[in-house]
């Protein structure tokens, strides 16, 4: 059990993702703690190094590659019997050279749907869960459409690649929301998309949704995580983000980052404040507020897992990003 006074070993982790969306794993060699276990490449931060400098050095020493483009992601702490570690995660999408094992380790590219290498270091499970999380979170916009128009837009978005959906129709009374949610689930299941119901744990359970998206007020008031596979939430400040982490949320949205028609009365955070708020987050964070398909790169640069959007995802006609991958 860690405490605020716990001394952590600071570690950088490189999640290397190729153009096919595969990620690179390395097996710890004989002579190291947990020899034979698989992990993401990386290592300890040396005295006087920044996290970025440590990442460049570690991957050069371990794999013989030079990083061309990487993005900060999120961090996590883990208590091993031999050490308390704090992992600083980076997603790497461009590099020079071909990864080769320079420290007697084995390497393996992992694709989705394949049996994962085993055994895996315990700290890696949350990283794998986050990697599986789509990078575009679509929030429904149904109150401005007829139901047939809404369901047609949903079908079109899923066909274009949307795989993570928040059903946010606050004006609907419970029975009408359940009926609509059942129709949304039917479309989403056809495309293997995940659906979260905004604020109603009861409705999410009633329709067999994959999860619930909590309001900031719910995050601050709940004492335990709702019993659903996915739990997300909305945060507007550091305190709410800390509570979301303590509650065990799988991810959050933070914003508005830019001006948005859905919350015209709220002052936007701006990208710098977004980064400062989320820099030490231990769960993936989506940027929300004024986001569209051109926002991904900037969101990644400021530490976001991806973007959340309302109007653009339903009204657009471009392919929707589903997985983070090399460009």
C-alpha atoms as a PDB file:
ATOM      1  CA  UNK A   1       0.000   0.000   0.000  1.00  0.00           C
ATOM      2  CA  UNK A   2       1.589   3.263  -1.107  1.00  0.00           C
ATOM      3  CA  UNK A   3       1.369   6.495   0.882  1.00  0.00           C
ATOM      4  CA  UNK A   4       2.150  10.115  -0.067  1.00  0.00           C
ATOM      5  CA  UNK A   5       5.636   9.525   1.413  1.00  0.00           C
ATOM      6  CA  UNK A   6       6.334   6.389  -0.629  1.00  0.00           C
ATOM      7  CA  UNK A   7       9.598   6.613  -2.555  1.00  0.00           C
ATOM      8  CA  UNK A   8       8.989   5.567  -6.134  1.00  0.00           C
ATOM      9  CA  UNK A   9      11.409   4.271  -8.710  1.00  0.00           C
ATOM     10  CA  UNK A  10      10.690   6.486 -11.728  1.00  0.00           C
ATOM     11  CA  UNK A  11      10.394   4.458 -14.938  1.00  0.00           C
ATOM     12  CA  UNK A  12       9.679   5.450 -18.546  1.00  0.00           C
ATOM     13  CA  UNK A  13       7.740   3.063 -20.770  1.00  0.00           C
ATOM     14  CA  UNK A  14       7.636   3.158 -24.568  1.00  0.00           C
ATOM     15  CA  UNK A  15       4.464   1.829 -26.169  1.00  0.00           C
ATOM     16  CA  UNK A  16       5.705   1.387 -29.738  1.00  0.00           C
ATOM     17  CA  UNK A  17       2.834   1.132 -32.228  1.00  0.00           C
ATOM     18  CA  UNK A  18       3.330   0.414 -35.938  1.00  0.00           C
ATOM     19  CA  UNK A  19       1.208   1.331 -38.965  1.00  0.00           C
ATOM     20  CA  UNK A  20      -0.891  -1.817 -38.503  1.00  0.00           C
ATOM     21  CA  UNK A  21      -1.703  -0.908 -34.918  1.00  0.00           C
ATOM     22  CA  UNK A  22       0.546  -3.659 -33.510  1.00  0.00           C
ATOM     23  CA  UNK A  23       2.499  -2.976 -30.318  1.00  0.00           C
ATOM     24  CA  UNK A  24       5.959  -4.213 -29.373  1.00  0.00           C
ATOM     25  CA  UNK A  25       6.610  -6.353 -26.270  1.00  0.00           C
ATOM     26  CA  UNK A  26       9.965  -7.413 -24.805  1.00  0.00           C
ATOM     27  CA  UNK A  27      10.740 -10.421 -22.604  1.00  0.00           C
ATOM     28  CA  UNK A  28      12.915  -9.773 -19.578  1.00  0.00           C
ATOM     29  CA  UNK A  29      16.208 -11.694 -19.890  1.00  0.00           C
ATOM     30  CA  UNK A  30      17.757 -14.078 -17.389  1.00  0.00           C
ATOM     31  CA  UNK A  31      19.444 -12.349 -14.466  1.00  0.00           C
ATOM     32  CA  UNK A  32      16.766  -9.661 -14.087  1.00  0.00           C
ATOM     33  CA  UNK A  33      13.897  -9.610 -11.590  1.00  0.00           C
ATOM     34  CA  UNK A  34      10.847 -11.265 -13.192  1.00  0.00           C
ATOM     35  CA  UNK A  35      13.052 -12.941 -15.822  1.00  0.00           C
ATOM     36  CA  UNK A  36      10.916 -14.466 -18.581  1.00  0.00           C
ATOM     37  CA  UNK A  37       8.038 -12.030 -18.084  1.00  0.00           C
ATOM     38  CA  UNK A  38       6.914  -9.779 -20.930  1.00  0.00           C
ATOM     39  CA  UNK A  39       6.707  -6.002 -20.703  1.00  0.00           C
ATOM     40  CA  UNK A  40       6.726  -2.833 -22.756  1.00  0.00           C
ATOM     41  CA  UNK A  41      10.284  -1.574 -23.407  1.00  0.00           C
ATOM     42  CA  UNK A  42      11.702   1.115 -21.140  1.00  0.00           C
ATOM     43  CA  UNK A  43      13.654   1.561 -17.947  1.00  0.00           C
ATOM     44  CA  UNK A  44      14.628   3.723 -14.999  1.00  0.00           C
ATOM     45  CA  UNK A  45      15.026   7.477 -15.211  1.00  0.00           C
ATOM     46  CA  UNK A  46      18.581   8.454 -14.292  1.00  0.00           C
ATOM     47  CA  UNK A  47      19.482  11.412 -12.088  1.00  0.00           C
ATOM     48  CA  UNK A  48      19.204  14.669 -14.006  1.00  0.00           C
ATOM     49  CA  UNK A  49      17.255  13.184 -16.944  1.00  0.00           C
ATOM     50  CA  UNK A  50      13.879  14.334 -18.145  1.00  0.00           C
ATOM     51  CA  UNK A  51      11.374  11.605 -18.905  1.00  0.00           C
ATOM     52  CA  UNK A  52      11.781  12.257 -22.622  1.00  0.00           C
ATOM     53  CA  UNK A  53      15.561  12.010 -22.404  1.00  0.00           C
ATOM     54  CA  UNK A  54      15.327   8.764 -20.444  1.00  0.00           C
ATOM     55  CA  UNK A  55      12.952   7.309 -23.027  1.00  0.00           C
ATOM     56  CA  UNK A  56      15.287   8.131 -25.928  1.00  0.00           C
ATOM     57  CA  UNK A  57      18.287   6.638 -24.101  1.00  0.00           C
ATOM     58  CA  UNK A  58      16.505   3.469 -22.956  1.00  0.00           C
ATOM     59  CA  UNK A  59      15.124   2.589 -26.375  1.00  0.00           C
ATOM     60  CA  UNK A  60      18.453   3.298 -28.030  1.00  0.00           C
ATOM     61  CA  UNK A  61      20.198   0.967 -25.537  1.00  0.00           C
ATOM     62  CA  UNK A  62      17.543  -1.774 -25.594  1.00  0.00           C
ATOM     63  CA  UNK A  63      16.366  -1.742 -29.204  1.00  0.00           C
ATOM     64  CA  UNK A  64      18.832   0.300 -31.247  1.00  0.00           C
ATOM     65  CA  UNK A  65      16.195   2.752 -32.476  1.00  0.00           C
ATOM     66  CA  UNK A  66      16.023   6.535 -32.457  1.00  0.00           C
ATOM     67  CA  UNK A  67      12.654   8.027 -31.569  1.00  0.00           C
ATOM     68  CA  UNK A  68      11.323  10.503 -34.122  1.00  0.00           C
ATOM     69  CA  UNK A  69       7.874  11.163 -32.681  1.00  0.00           C
ATOM     70  CA  UNK A  70       6.338  10.241 -29.342  1.00  0.00           C
ATOM     71  CA  UNK A  71       3.418  11.461 -27.265  1.00  0.00           C
ATOM     72  CA  UNK A  72       3.021  11.537 -23.474  1.00  0.00           C
ATOM     73  CA  UNK A  73       0.098   9.359 -22.398  1.00  0.00           C
ATOM     74  CA  UNK A  74      -0.737   8.708 -18.739  1.00  0.00           C
ATOM     75  CA  UNK A  75       1.091   7.372 -15.702  1.00  0.00           C
ATOM     76  CA  UNK A  76       0.486   4.687 -13.125  1.00  0.00           C
ATOM     77  CA  UNK A  77       2.021   3.406  -9.936  1.00  0.00           C
ATOM     78  CA  UNK A  78       2.516  -0.227  -9.031  1.00  0.00           C
ATOM     79  CA  UNK A  79       3.802  -1.981  -5.931  1.00  0.00           C
ATOM     80  CA  UNK A  80       6.110  -4.889  -6.710  1.00  0.00           C
ATOM     81  CA  UNK A  81       7.650  -6.907  -3.856  1.00  0.00           C
ATOM     82  CA  UNK A  82      11.052  -5.435  -4.691  1.00  0.00           C
ATOM     83  CA  UNK A  83      10.069  -1.834  -5.525  1.00  0.00           C
ATOM     84  CA  UNK A  84       7.380   0.810  -5.767  1.00  0.00           C
ATOM     85  CA  UNK A  85       7.431   2.007  -9.374  1.00  0.00           C
ATOM     86  CA  UNK A  86       5.860   4.963 -11.120  1.00  0.00           C
ATOM     87  CA  UNK A  87       5.480   4.322 -14.834  1.00  0.00           C
ATOM     88  CA  UNK A  88       5.475   7.299 -17.207  1.00  0.00           C
ATOM     89  CA  UNK A  89       3.908   6.069 -20.437  1.00  0.00           C
ATOM     90  CA  UNK A  90       4.656   7.358 -23.934  1.00  0.00           C
ATOM     91  CA  UNK A  91       3.065   6.271 -27.216  1.00  0.00           C
ATOM     92  CA  UNK A  92       5.694   6.120 -29.963  1.00  0.00           C
ATOM     93  CA  UNK A  93       4.585   6.288 -33.580  1.00  0.00           C
ATOM     94  CA  UNK A  94       7.729   7.178 -35.557  1.00  0.00           C
ATOM     95  CA  UNK A  95      11.270   5.955 -35.146  1.00  0.00           C
ATOM     96  CA  UNK A  96      14.450   5.334 -37.127  1.00  0.00           C
ATOM     97  CA  UNK A  97      15.905   1.855 -37.399  1.00  0.00           C
ATOM     98  CA  UNK A  98      14.474  -1.610 -36.853  1.00  0.00           C
ATOM     99  CA  UNK A  99      13.958  -2.722 -33.238  1.00  0.00           C
ATOM    100  CA  UNK A 100      16.484  -5.451 -32.393  1.00  0.00           C
ATOM    101  CA  UNK A 101      17.160  -7.111 -29.008  1.00  0.00           C
ATOM    102  CA  UNK A 102      20.399  -5.603 -27.696  1.00  0.00           C
ATOM    103  CA  UNK A 103      20.072  -6.873 -24.106  1.00  0.00           C
ATOM    104  CA  UNK A 104      19.487 -10.608 -24.726  1.00  0.00           C
ATOM    105  CA  UNK A 105      15.732 -10.121 -24.572  1.00  0.00           C
ATOM    106  CA  UNK A 106      13.113 -11.591 -26.907  1.00  0.00           C
ATOM    107  CA  UNK A 107      10.825  -9.265 -28.896  1.00  0.00           C
ATOM    108  CA  UNK A 108       7.284  -9.825 -30.175  1.00  0.00           C
ATOM    109  CA  UNK A 109       4.894  -7.646 -32.178  1.00  0.00           C
ATOM    110  CA  UNK A 110       1.351  -8.127 -30.884  1.00  0.00           C
ATOM    111  CA  UNK A 111      -1.736  -7.682 -33.032  1.00  0.00           C
ATOM    112  CA  UNK A 112      -5.317  -7.354 -31.854  1.00  0.00           C
ATOM    113  CA  UNK A 113      -7.152 -10.658 -31.763  1.00  0.00           C
ATOM    114  CA  UNK A 114      -3.962 -12.644 -31.239  1.00  0.00           C
ATOM    115  CA  UNK A 115      -3.226 -14.571 -28.061  1.00  0.00           C
ATOM    116  CA  UNK A 116      -1.033 -12.247 -25.969  1.00  0.00           C
ATOM    117  CA  UNK A 117       2.467 -13.265 -24.983  1.00  0.00           C
ATOM    118  CA  UNK A 118       2.688 -14.752 -21.502  1.00  0.00           C
ATOM    119  CA  UNK A 119       3.491 -14.410 -18.678  1.00  0.00           C
ATOM    120  CA  UNK A 120       2.946 -10.648 -18.552  1.00  0.00           C
ATOM    121  CA  UNK A 121       4.231  -8.292 -15.886  1.00  0.00           C
ATOM    122  CA  UNK A 122       1.262  -7.437 -13.615  1.00  0.00           C
ATOM    123  CA  UNK A 123       1.599  -3.682 -14.134  1.00  0.00           C
ATOM    124  CA  UNK A 124       0.983  -4.085 -17.868  1.00  0.00           C
ATOM    125  CA  UNK A 125      -2.684  -5.061 -17.750  1.00  0.00           C
ATOM    126  CA  UNK A 126      -3.915  -1.484 -17.361  1.00  0.00           C
ATOM    127  CA  UNK A 127      -1.707  -0.414 -20.257  1.00  0.00           C
ATOM    128  CA  UNK A 128      -3.191  -3.135 -22.464  1.00  0.00           C
ATOM    129  CA  UNK A 129      -6.719  -2.124 -21.426  1.00  0.00           C
ATOM    130  CA  UNK A 130      -5.953   1.492 -22.350  1.00  0.00           C
ATOM    131  CA  UNK A 131      -4.467   0.449 -25.710  1.00  0.00           C
ATOM    132  CA  UNK A 132      -7.722  -1.326 -26.549  1.00  0.00           C
ATOM    133  CA  UNK A 133      -9.686   1.841 -25.823  1.00  0.00           C
ATOM    134  CA  UNK A 134     -10.685   3.606 -29.067  1.00  0.00           C
ATOM    135  CA  UNK A 135      -9.311   7.115 -29.521  1.00  0.00           C
ATOM    136  CA  UNK A 136     -12.593   8.708 -30.674  1.00  0.00           C
ATOM    137  CA  UNK A 137     -15.471   8.968 -28.198  1.00  0.00           C
ATOM    138  CA  UNK A 138     -18.763   9.898 -29.864  1.00  0.00           C
ATOM    139  CA  UNK A 139     -21.393  11.652 -27.726  1.00  0.00           C
ATOM    140  CA  UNK A 140     -24.912  11.445 -29.084  1.00  0.00           C
ATOM    141  CA  UNK A 141     -26.685  14.428 -30.567  1.00  0.00           C
ATOM    142  CA  UNK A 142     -30.168  12.964 -30.861  1.00  0.00           C
ATOM    143  CA  UNK A 143     -32.231  15.804 -29.407  1.00  0.00           C
ATOM    144  CA  UNK A 144     -31.625  17.784 -32.598  1.00  0.00           C
ATOM    145  CA  UNK A 145     -32.878  14.957 -34.849  1.00  0.00           C
ATOM    146  CA  UNK A 146     -35.894  12.758 -35.296  1.00  0.00           C
ATOM    147  CA  UNK A 147     -35.358   9.223 -34.031  1.00  0.00           C
ATOM    148  CA  UNK A 148     -35.035   7.718 -37.544  1.00  0.00           C
ATOM    149  CA  UNK A 149     -32.492  10.416 -38.463  1.00  0.00           C
ATOM    150  CA  UNK A 150     -30.576   9.765 -35.237  1.00  0.00           C
ATOM    151  CA  UNK A 151     -30.427   5.997 -35.740  1.00  0.00           C
ATOM    152  CA  UNK A 152     -29.368   6.493 -39.359  1.00  0.00           C
ATOM    153  CA  UNK A 153     -26.572   8.846 -38.207  1.00  0.00           C
ATOM    154  CA  UNK A 154     -25.518   6.285 -35.581  1.00  0.00           C
ATOM    155  CA  UNK A 155     -25.401   3.505 -38.170  1.00  0.00           C
ATOM    156  CA  UNK A 156     -23.382   5.712 -40.505  1.00  0.00           C
ATOM    157  CA  UNK A 157     -20.897   6.675 -37.765  1.00  0.00           C
ATOM    158  CA  UNK A 158     -20.396   3.057 -36.715  1.00  0.00           C
ATOM    159  CA  UNK A 159     -19.893   2.055 -40.353  1.00  0.00           C
ATOM    160  CA  UNK A 160     -17.203   4.755 -40.623  1.00  0.00           C
ATOM    161  CA  UNK A 161     -15.372   3.349 -37.603  1.00  0.00           C
ATOM    162  CA  UNK A 162     -16.915   4.720 -34.391  1.00  0.00           C
ATOM    163  CA  UNK A 163     -16.455   2.134 -31.621  1.00  0.00           C
ATOM    164  CA  UNK A 164     -17.029   4.093 -28.397  1.00  0.00           C
ATOM    165  CA  UNK A 165     -20.368   5.832 -27.837  1.00  0.00           C
ATOM    166  CA  UNK A 166     -21.941   7.822 -25.028  1.00  0.00           C
ATOM    167  CA  UNK A 167     -25.748   7.929 -25.127  1.00  0.00           C
ATOM    168  CA  UNK A 168     -26.391  11.392 -23.704  1.00  0.00           C
ATOM    169  CA  UNK A 169     -30.052  12.299 -24.061  1.00  0.00           C
ATOM    170  CA  UNK A 170     -30.804  14.031 -20.780  1.00  0.00           C
ATOM    171  CA  UNK A 171     -34.226  15.323 -21.812  1.00  0.00           C
ATOM    172  CA  UNK A 172     -35.728  11.846 -22.231  1.00  0.00           C
ATOM    173  CA  UNK A 173     -37.706  10.330 -19.380  1.00  0.00           C
ATOM    174  CA  UNK A 174     -36.573   6.922 -18.170  1.00  0.00           C
ATOM    175  CA  UNK A 175     -38.906   4.692 -20.240  1.00  0.00           C
ATOM    176  CA  UNK A 176     -38.190   6.554 -23.491  1.00  0.00           C
ATOM    177  CA  UNK A 177     -34.472   6.504 -22.744  1.00  0.00           C
ATOM    178  CA  UNK A 178     -34.556   2.739 -22.229  1.00  0.00           C
ATOM    179  CA  UNK A 179     -36.372   2.226 -25.542  1.00  0.00           C
ATOM    180  CA  UNK A 180     -33.864   4.400 -27.381  1.00  0.00           C
ATOM    181  CA  UNK A 181     -30.929   2.758 -25.595  1.00  0.00           C
ATOM    182  CA  UNK A 182     -32.116  -0.683 -26.691  1.00  0.00           C
ATOM    183  CA  UNK A 183     -32.102   0.470 -30.310  1.00  0.00           C
ATOM    184  CA  UNK A 184     -28.661   2.032 -29.895  1.00  0.00           C
ATOM    185  CA  UNK A 185     -27.364  -1.213 -28.389  1.00  0.00           C
ATOM    186  CA  UNK A 186     -28.678  -3.198 -31.361  1.00  0.00           C
ATOM    187  CA  UNK A 187     -26.752  -1.001 -33.816  1.00  0.00           C
ATOM    188  CA  UNK A 188     -23.607  -0.875 -31.663  1.00  0.00           C
ATOM    189  CA  UNK A 189     -23.493  -4.629 -31.087  1.00  0.00           C
ATOM    190  CA  UNK A 190     -23.596  -5.211 -34.835  1.00  0.00           C
ATOM    191  CA  UNK A 191     -20.334  -3.250 -35.129  1.00  0.00           C
ATOM    192  CA  UNK A 192     -18.789  -4.460 -31.832  1.00  0.00           C
ATOM    193  CA  UNK A 193     -18.958  -0.890 -30.508  1.00  0.00           C
ATOM    194  CA  UNK A 194     -19.110  -0.046 -26.806  1.00  0.00           C
ATOM    195  CA  UNK A 195     -22.012   2.007 -25.394  1.00  0.00           C
ATOM    196  CA  UNK A 196     -21.996   4.004 -22.164  1.00  0.00           C
ATOM    197  CA  UNK A 197     -25.179   5.573 -20.787  1.00  0.00           C
ATOM    198  CA  UNK A 198     -24.845   9.104 -19.471  1.00  0.00           C
ATOM    199  CA  UNK A 199     -25.405   9.383 -15.702  1.00  0.00           C
ATOM    200  CA  UNK A 200     -27.914   6.513 -15.272  1.00  0.00           C
ATOM    201  CA  UNK A 201     -26.418   3.357 -13.784  1.00  0.00           C
ATOM    202  CA  UNK A 202     -29.929   1.886 -13.621  1.00  0.00           C
ATOM    203  CA  UNK A 203     -30.611   2.353 -17.349  1.00  0.00           C
ATOM    204  CA  UNK A 204     -27.158   1.047 -18.260  1.00  0.00           C
ATOM    205  CA  UNK A 205     -27.850  -2.139 -16.315  1.00  0.00           C
ATOM    206  CA  UNK A 206     -31.406  -2.451 -17.658  1.00  0.00           C
ATOM    207  CA  UNK A 207     -30.333  -2.444 -21.332  1.00  0.00           C
ATOM    208  CA  UNK A 208     -27.073  -4.353 -20.899  1.00  0.00           C
ATOM    209  CA  UNK A 209     -24.919  -1.374 -21.850  1.00  0.00           C
ATOM    210  CA  UNK A 210     -21.166  -1.724 -21.582  1.00  0.00           C
ATOM    211  CA  UNK A 211     -20.878   1.039 -19.042  1.00  0.00           C
ATOM    212  CA  UNK A 212     -21.931   4.365 -17.579  1.00  0.00           C
ATOM    213  CA  UNK A 213     -20.593   7.889 -18.044  1.00  0.00           C
ATOM    214  CA  UNK A 214     -20.763   9.755 -14.738  1.00  0.00           C
ATOM    215  CA  UNK A 215     -21.294  13.467 -14.266  1.00  0.00           C
ATOM    216  CA  UNK A 216     -18.734  15.404 -12.235  1.00  0.00           C
ATOM    217  CA  UNK A 217     -21.235  15.616  -9.362  1.00  0.00           C
ATOM    218  CA  UNK A 218     -21.639  11.826  -9.373  1.00  0.00           C
ATOM    219  CA  UNK A 219     -17.874  11.335  -9.361  1.00  0.00           C
ATOM    220  CA  UNK A 220     -17.596  13.548  -6.294  1.00  0.00           C
ATOM    221  CA  UNK A 221     -20.449  11.850  -4.418  1.00  0.00           C
ATOM    222  CA  UNK A 222     -20.100   8.125  -5.161  1.00  0.00           C
ATOM    223  CA  UNK A 223     -18.252   5.994  -2.616  1.00  0.00           C
ATOM    224  CA  UNK A 224     -17.551   3.009  -4.855  1.00  0.00           C
ATOM    225  CA  UNK A 225     -17.241   2.196  -8.536  1.00  0.00           C
ATOM    226  CA  UNK A 226     -20.524   1.219 -10.240  1.00  0.00           C
ATOM    227  CA  UNK A 227     -20.647  -2.515 -11.081  1.00  0.00           C
ATOM    228  CA  UNK A 228     -20.231  -2.144 -14.846  1.00  0.00           C
ATOM    229  CA  UNK A 229     -17.459  -3.134 -17.266  1.00  0.00           C
ATOM    230  CA  UNK A 230     -16.700   0.460 -18.270  1.00  0.00           C
ATOM    231  CA  UNK A 231     -16.977   3.510 -16.041  1.00  0.00           C
ATOM    232  CA  UNK A 232     -16.105   6.950 -17.396  1.00  0.00           C
ATOM    233  CA  UNK A 233     -16.754  10.482 -16.225  1.00  0.00           C
ATOM    234  CA  UNK A 234     -16.621  14.194 -16.962  1.00  0.00           C
ATOM    235  CA  UNK A 235     -14.066  16.370 -15.184  1.00  0.00           C
ATOM    236  CA  UNK A 236     -13.468  20.102 -15.262  1.00  0.00           C
ATOM    237  CA  UNK A 237     -10.740  20.529 -12.642  1.00  0.00           C
ATOM    238  CA  UNK A 238      -7.937  18.659 -10.882  1.00  0.00           C
ATOM    239  CA  UNK A 239     -10.048  17.746  -7.851  1.00  0.00           C
ATOM    240  CA  UNK A 240     -12.681  16.006  -9.961  1.00  0.00           C
ATOM    241  CA  UNK A 241      -9.965  14.174 -11.879  1.00  0.00           C
ATOM    242  CA  UNK A 242      -8.406  12.954  -8.631  1.00  0.00           C
ATOM    243  CA  UNK A 243     -11.770  11.686  -7.397  1.00  0.00           C
ATOM    244  CA  UNK A 244     -12.368   9.909 -10.721  1.00  0.00           C
ATOM    245  CA  UNK A 245      -9.043   8.112 -10.320  1.00  0.00           C
ATOM    246  CA  UNK A 246      -9.835   7.121  -6.744  1.00  0.00           C
ATOM    247  CA  UNK A 247     -13.261   5.863  -7.793  1.00  0.00           C
ATOM    248  CA  UNK A 248     -11.654   3.568 -10.346  1.00  0.00           C
ATOM    249  CA  UNK A 249     -12.902   5.171 -13.563  1.00  0.00           C
ATOM    250  CA  UNK A 250     -11.474   3.614 -16.721  1.00  0.00           C
ATOM    251  CA  UNK A 251     -11.171   6.982 -18.448  1.00  0.00           C
ATOM    252  CA  UNK A 252     -12.452  10.555 -18.271  1.00  0.00           C
ATOM    253  CA  UNK A 253     -13.170  13.491 -20.543  1.00  0.00           C
ATOM    254  CA  UNK A 254     -11.715  16.862 -19.571  1.00  0.00           C
ATOM    255  CA  UNK A 255     -12.792  20.206 -20.937  1.00  0.00           C
ATOM    256  CA  UNK A 256     -14.046  22.189 -22.587  1.00  0.00           C
ATOM    257  CA  UNK A 257     -10.623  22.703 -24.114  1.00  0.00           C
ATOM    258  CA  UNK A 258     -11.905  25.098 -26.782  1.00  0.00           C
ATOM    259  CA  UNK A 259     -15.115  27.050 -27.337  1.00  0.00           C
ATOM    260  CA  UNK A 260     -18.078  24.764 -27.880  1.00  0.00           C
ATOM    261  CA  UNK A 261     -21.720  25.313 -28.797  1.00  0.00           C
ATOM    262  CA  UNK A 262     -22.873  22.682 -26.289  1.00  0.00           C
ATOM    263  CA  UNK A 263     -21.472  24.698 -23.331  1.00  0.00           C
ATOM    264  CA  UNK A 264     -21.379  28.332 -24.525  1.00  0.00           C
ATOM    265  CA  UNK A 265     -21.386  29.652 -20.940  1.00  0.00           C
ATOM    266  CA  UNK A 266     -18.168  27.829 -19.935  1.00  0.00           C
ATOM    267  CA  UNK A 267     -14.752  29.392 -20.410  1.00  0.00           C
ATOM    268  CA  UNK A 268     -12.443  27.051 -22.355  1.00  0.00           C
ATOM    269  CA  UNK A 269      -9.393  25.636 -20.599  1.00  0.00           C
ATOM    270  CA  UNK A 270      -7.050  25.968 -23.546  1.00  0.00           C
ATOM    271  CA  UNK A 271      -4.472  23.306 -24.404  1.00  0.00           C
ATOM    272  CA  UNK A 272      -1.855  24.432 -21.887  1.00  0.00           C
ATOM    273  CA  UNK A 273      -4.225  24.254 -18.917  1.00  0.00           C
ATOM    274  CA  UNK A 274      -5.571  20.930 -20.180  1.00  0.00           C
ATOM    275  CA  UNK A 275      -2.015  19.543 -20.159  1.00  0.00           C
ATOM    276  CA  UNK A 276      -1.262  20.934 -16.707  1.00  0.00           C
ATOM    277  CA  UNK A 277      -4.481  19.460 -15.302  1.00  0.00           C
ATOM    278  CA  UNK A 278      -3.954  16.002 -16.747  1.00  0.00           C
ATOM    279  CA  UNK A 279      -0.149  15.661 -16.611  1.00  0.00           C
ATOM    280  CA  UNK A 280      -0.197  13.286 -13.625  1.00  0.00           C
ATOM    281  CA  UNK A 281      -3.385  11.422 -14.512  1.00  0.00           C
ATOM    282  CA  UNK A 282      -3.253   7.687 -13.873  1.00  0.00           C
ATOM    283  CA  UNK A 283      -6.080   6.980 -16.336  1.00  0.00           C
ATOM    284  CA  UNK A 284      -6.554   7.873 -20.020  1.00  0.00           C
ATOM    285  CA  UNK A 285      -8.041  11.311 -20.675  1.00  0.00           C
ATOM    286  CA  UNK A 286     -10.070  12.433 -23.689  1.00  0.00           C
ATOM    287  CA  UNK A 287     -10.039  16.100 -24.695  1.00  0.00           C
ATOM    288  CA  UNK A 288     -13.519  17.544 -25.242  1.00  0.00           C
ATOM    289  CA  UNK A 289     -14.803  20.878 -26.481  1.00  0.00           C
ATOM    290  CA  UNK A 290     -14.414  22.066 -30.064  1.00  0.00           C
ATOM    291  CA  UNK A 291     -12.856  18.791 -31.218  1.00  0.00           C
ATOM    292  CA  UNK A 292     -12.939  17.419 -34.753  1.00  0.00           C
ATOM    293  CA  UNK A 293     -10.850  15.015 -36.840  1.00  0.00           C
ATOM    294  CA  UNK A 294      -8.098  17.629 -37.199  1.00  0.00           C
ATOM    295  CA  UNK A 295      -7.645  17.808 -33.410  1.00  0.00           C
ATOM    296  CA  UNK A 296      -5.986  14.430 -32.839  1.00  0.00           C
ATOM    297  CA  UNK A 297      -2.365  15.424 -33.246  1.00  0.00           C
ATOM    298  CA  UNK A 298      -2.652  18.429 -30.951  1.00  0.00           C
ATOM    299  CA  UNK A 299      -4.577  16.391 -28.387  1.00  0.00           C
ATOM    300  CA  UNK A 300      -1.867  13.705 -28.407  1.00  0.00           C
ATOM    301  CA  UNK A 301       0.875  16.308 -28.016  1.00  0.00           C
ATOM    302  CA  UNK A 302      -0.791  17.558 -24.831  1.00  0.00           C
ATOM    303  CA  UNK A 303      -1.168  14.090 -23.308  1.00  0.00           C
ATOM    304  CA  UNK A 304      -4.702  13.156 -24.347  1.00  0.00           C
ATOM    305  CA  UNK A 305      -5.640   9.572 -25.139  1.00  0.00           C
ATOM    306  CA  UNK A 306      -7.964  10.849 -27.863  1.00  0.00           C
ATOM    307  CA  UNK A 307     -10.859  13.227 -28.472  1.00  0.00           C
ATOM    308  CA  UNK A 308     -14.533  13.283 -27.550  1.00  0.00           C
ATOM    309  CA  UNK A 309     -16.977  15.044 -29.852  1.00  0.00           C
ATOM    310  CA  UNK A 310     -20.676  15.566 -30.313  1.00  0.00           C
ATOM    311  CA  UNK A 311     -21.680  17.342 -33.518  1.00  0.00           C
ATOM    312  CA  UNK A 312     -18.720  16.409 -35.707  1.00  0.00           C
ATOM    313  CA  UNK A 313     -18.964  12.657 -35.260  1.00  0.00           C
ATOM    314  CA  UNK A 314     -22.613  12.511 -36.359  1.00  0.00           C
ATOM    315  CA  UNK A 315     -22.613  15.161 -39.050  1.00  0.00           C
ATOM    316  CA  UNK A 316     -19.269  14.377 -40.685  1.00  0.00           C
ATOM    317  CA  UNK A 317     -18.503  11.905 -43.450  1.00  0.00           C
ATOM    318  CA  UNK A 318     -14.835  11.091 -42.837  1.00  0.00           C
ATOM    319  CA  UNK A 319     -13.477   7.783 -41.596  1.00  0.00           C
ATOM    320  CA  UNK A 320     -13.488   7.774 -37.783  1.00  0.00           C
ATOM    321  CA  UNK A 321     -10.247   6.866 -36.031  1.00  0.00           C
ATOM    322  CA  UNK A 322     -10.604   3.744 -33.932  1.00  0.00           C
ATOM    323  CA  UNK A 323      -7.085   2.732 -32.883  1.00  0.00           C
ATOM    324  CA  UNK A 324      -3.973   4.716 -32.117  1.00  0.00           C
ATOM    325  CA  UNK A 325      -1.310   3.753 -34.655  1.00  0.00           C
ATOM    326  CA  UNK A 326       1.762   4.904 -36.517  1.00  0.00           C
ATOM    327  CA  UNK A 327       1.337   7.472 -39.267  1.00  0.00           C
END
